[in-house]
Each structure stands twice: as C-alpha cells, then as structure tokens.
Amino acid sequence: MGSFKKNIGVLLVILGAVLLLLPVFISGMTDLLDHNAYSLTGILLVVLGVVAHILLNKYLPLGDDDEQETRAERGYVPEPDVRKV
C-alpha cells in the first residue's frame, strides 16, 4: 500500500497525458480538443500529478525508509566494505 501512495502522482500524470492524447488518435473525439474544459482538465491532472509526486515522495516516509529508521533505532551498524585492491 505504501508504494501505491508514492505512485499516485505518476498515475495522475499518466491519466492527464492519456486525456490529452485520446482525441488525437480517436477521430470521433477531435471536437473535444476545441473545448477549454477538456484541455484544462488534462493539463491540471498533469501538473497536480507532478506536484503530488514531489510532495508525497519528499514528506511521506514510506517503504524501505521505515525499515532503515528502525534499524538505526536498534543500533544496527553495517560492517564497512573493505575490498583488497
């Protein structure tokens, strides 16, 4: 569920792009390109998706970050990577 929340912004961007591209490929929908509300909806979905993706990934600690914090709280220290050259 955590990865779904992080990808909501990407899904909004894809949905907005599909809305904007749909009239180009379907000939019966070409008159929708002239309607401002349809174009504005697609553009708003793309912009909101980008903003949501940035904010959700910056401020929501989900997924692997939680596991790393709990390891740090437990005092887990990884062994240093020593390689012979």
C-alpha atoms as a PDB file:
ATOM      1  CA  MET A   1       0.000   0.000   0.000  1.00  0.00           C
ATOM      2  CA  GLY A   2       2.910   2.333   0.692  1.00  0.00           C
ATOM      3  CA  SER A   3       4.268   2.102  -2.839  1.00  0.00           C
ATOM      4  CA  PHE A   4       0.792   2.860  -4.224  1.00  0.00           C
ATOM      5  CA  LYS A   5       0.653   6.106  -2.234  1.00  0.00           C
ATOM      6  CA  LYS A   6       4.046   7.101  -3.589  1.00  0.00           C
ATOM      7  CA  ASN A   7       2.912   6.479  -7.162  1.00  0.00           C
ATOM      8  CA  ILE A   8      -0.371   8.393  -7.068  1.00  0.00           C
ATOM      9  CA  GLY A   9       1.335  11.402  -8.651  1.00  0.00           C
ATOM     10  CA  VAL A  10       2.694   9.317 -11.518  1.00  0.00           C
ATOM     11  CA  LEU A  11      -0.747   7.826 -12.124  1.00  0.00           C
ATOM     12  CA  LEU A  12      -2.262  11.320 -12.303  1.00  0.00           C
ATOM     13  CA  VAL A  13       0.360  12.392 -14.846  1.00  0.00           C
ATOM     14  CA  ILE A  14      -0.330   9.330 -16.991  1.00  0.00           C
ATOM     15  CA  LEU A  15      -4.095   9.882 -16.765  1.00  0.00           C
ATOM     16  CA  GLY A  16      -3.722  13.534 -17.787  1.00  0.00           C
ATOM     17  CA  ALA A  17      -1.474  12.605 -20.711  1.00  0.00           C
ATOM     18  CA  VAL A  18      -3.954   9.968 -21.892  1.00  0.00           C
ATOM     19  CA  LEU A  19      -6.775  12.512 -21.711  1.00  0.00           C
ATOM     20  CA  LEU A  20      -4.783  14.929 -23.827  1.00  0.00           C
ATOM     21  CA  LEU A  21      -3.731  12.293 -26.380  1.00  0.00           C
ATOM     22  CA  LEU A  22      -7.068  10.494 -26.711  1.00  0.00           C
ATOM     23  CA  PRO A  23      -8.698  12.976 -29.146  1.00  0.00           C
ATOM     24  CA  VAL A  24      -5.629  12.864 -31.372  1.00  0.00           C
ATOM     25  CA  PHE A  25      -5.945   9.134 -32.034  1.00  0.00           C
ATOM     26  CA  ILE A  26      -9.750   8.740 -31.976  1.00  0.00           C
ATOM     27  CA  SER A  27     -11.334  10.634 -34.845  1.00  0.00           C
ATOM     28  CA  GLY A  28     -14.749  10.958 -33.176  1.00  0.00           C
ATOM     29  CA  MET A  29     -13.253  12.930 -30.285  1.00  0.00           C
ATOM     30  CA  THR A  30     -11.434  15.624 -32.279  1.00  0.00           C
ATOM     31  CA  ASP A  31     -14.040  18.244 -31.387  1.00  0.00           C
ATOM     32  CA  LEU A  32     -13.018  17.845 -27.718  1.00  0.00           C
ATOM     33  CA  LEU A  33      -9.699  19.493 -28.494  1.00  0.00           C
ATOM     34  CA  ASP A  34     -11.537  22.767 -29.016  1.00  0.00           C
ATOM     35  CA  HIS A  35     -13.203  22.678 -25.599  1.00  0.00           C
ATOM     36  CA  ASN A  36     -11.220  24.514 -22.956  1.00  0.00           C
ATOM     37  CA  ALA A  37     -12.608  22.476 -20.066  1.00  0.00           C
ATOM     38  CA  TYR A  38     -11.357  19.199 -21.551  1.00  0.00           C
ATOM     39  CA  SER A  39      -7.869  20.559 -22.250  1.00  0.00           C
ATOM     40  CA  LEU A  40      -7.699  22.285 -18.877  1.00  0.00           C
ATOM     41  CA  THR A  41      -8.645  19.056 -17.095  1.00  0.00           C
ATOM     42  CA  GLY A  42      -5.822  17.166 -18.777  1.00  0.00           C
ATOM     43  CA  ILE A  43      -3.270  19.874 -18.061  1.00  0.00           C
ATOM     44  CA  LEU A  44      -4.388  20.183 -14.427  1.00  0.00           C
ATOM     45  CA  LEU A  45      -4.064  16.425 -13.924  1.00  0.00           C
ATOM     46  CA  VAL A  46      -0.518  16.510 -15.272  1.00  0.00           C
ATOM     47  CA  VAL A  47       0.516  19.492 -13.123  1.00  0.00           C
ATOM     48  CA  LEU A  48      -1.185  18.159  -9.978  1.00  0.00           C
ATOM     49  CA  GLY A  49       0.397  14.763 -10.584  1.00  0.00           C
ATOM     50  CA  VAL A  50       3.890  16.237 -10.748  1.00  0.00           C
ATOM     51  CA  VAL A  51       3.328  18.316  -7.602  1.00  0.00           C
ATOM     52  CA  ALA A  52       1.759  15.367  -5.756  1.00  0.00           C
ATOM     53  CA  HIS A  53       4.630  13.091  -6.744  1.00  0.00           C
ATOM     54  CA  ILE A  54       7.216  15.546  -5.449  1.00  0.00           C
ATOM     55  CA  LEU A  55       5.401  16.249  -2.180  1.00  0.00           C
ATOM     56  CA  LEU A  56       4.480  12.648  -1.423  1.00  0.00           C
ATOM     57  CA  ASN A  57       7.987  11.352  -2.027  1.00  0.00           C
ATOM     58  CA  LYS A  58       9.554  14.168  -0.046  1.00  0.00           C
ATOM     59  CA  TYR A  59       7.327  14.262   3.027  1.00  0.00           C
ATOM     60  CA  LEU A  60       5.851  10.764   3.382  1.00  0.00           C
ATOM     61  CA  PRO A  61       8.317   8.282   4.867  1.00  0.00           C
ATOM     62  CA  LEU A  62       7.034   5.047   3.330  1.00  0.00           C
ATOM     63  CA  GLY A  63       8.511   1.770   2.211  1.00  0.00           C
ATOM     64  CA  ASP A  64      12.193   0.996   2.767  1.00  0.00           C
ATOM     65  CA  ASP A  65      12.853   4.224   4.668  1.00  0.00           C
ATOM     66  CA  ASP A  66      10.813   2.961   7.642  1.00  0.00           C
ATOM     67  CA  GLU A  67      12.884  -0.202   7.823  1.00  0.00           C
ATOM     68  CA  GLN A  68      16.129   1.755   7.775  1.00  0.00           C
ATOM     69  CA  GLU A  69      14.928   4.018  10.575  1.00  0.00           C
ATOM     70  CA  THR A  70      14.028   1.060  12.752  1.00  0.00           C
ATOM     71  CA  ARG A  71      17.443  -0.499  12.124  1.00  0.00           C
ATOM     72  CA  ALA A  72      19.109   2.755  13.137  1.00  0.00           C
ATOM     73  CA  GLU A  73      16.971   2.959  16.264  1.00  0.00           C
ATOM     74  CA  ARG A  74      18.031  -0.588  17.177  1.00  0.00           C
ATOM     75  CA  GLY A  75      21.677   0.404  16.939  1.00  0.00           C
ATOM     76  CA  TYR A  76      22.400  -1.615  13.820  1.00  0.00           C
ATOM     77  CA  VAL A  77      25.665  -0.528  12.238  1.00  0.00           C
ATOM     78  CA  PRO A  78      26.568  -2.074   8.888  1.00  0.00           C
ATOM     79  CA  GLU A  79      30.045  -3.509   8.537  1.00  0.00           C
ATOM     80  CA  PRO A  80      32.397  -1.377   6.451  1.00  0.00           C
ATOM     81  CA  ASP A  81      33.018  -2.544   2.914  1.00  0.00           C
ATOM     82  CA  VAL A  82      36.706  -3.437   2.825  1.00  0.00           C
ATOM     83  CA  ARG A  83      37.977  -4.573  -0.536  1.00  0.00           C
ATOM     84  CA  LYS A  84      41.533  -5.538  -1.349  1.00  0.00           C
ATOM     85  CA  VAL A  85      42.867  -3.949  -4.487  1.00  0.00           C
END
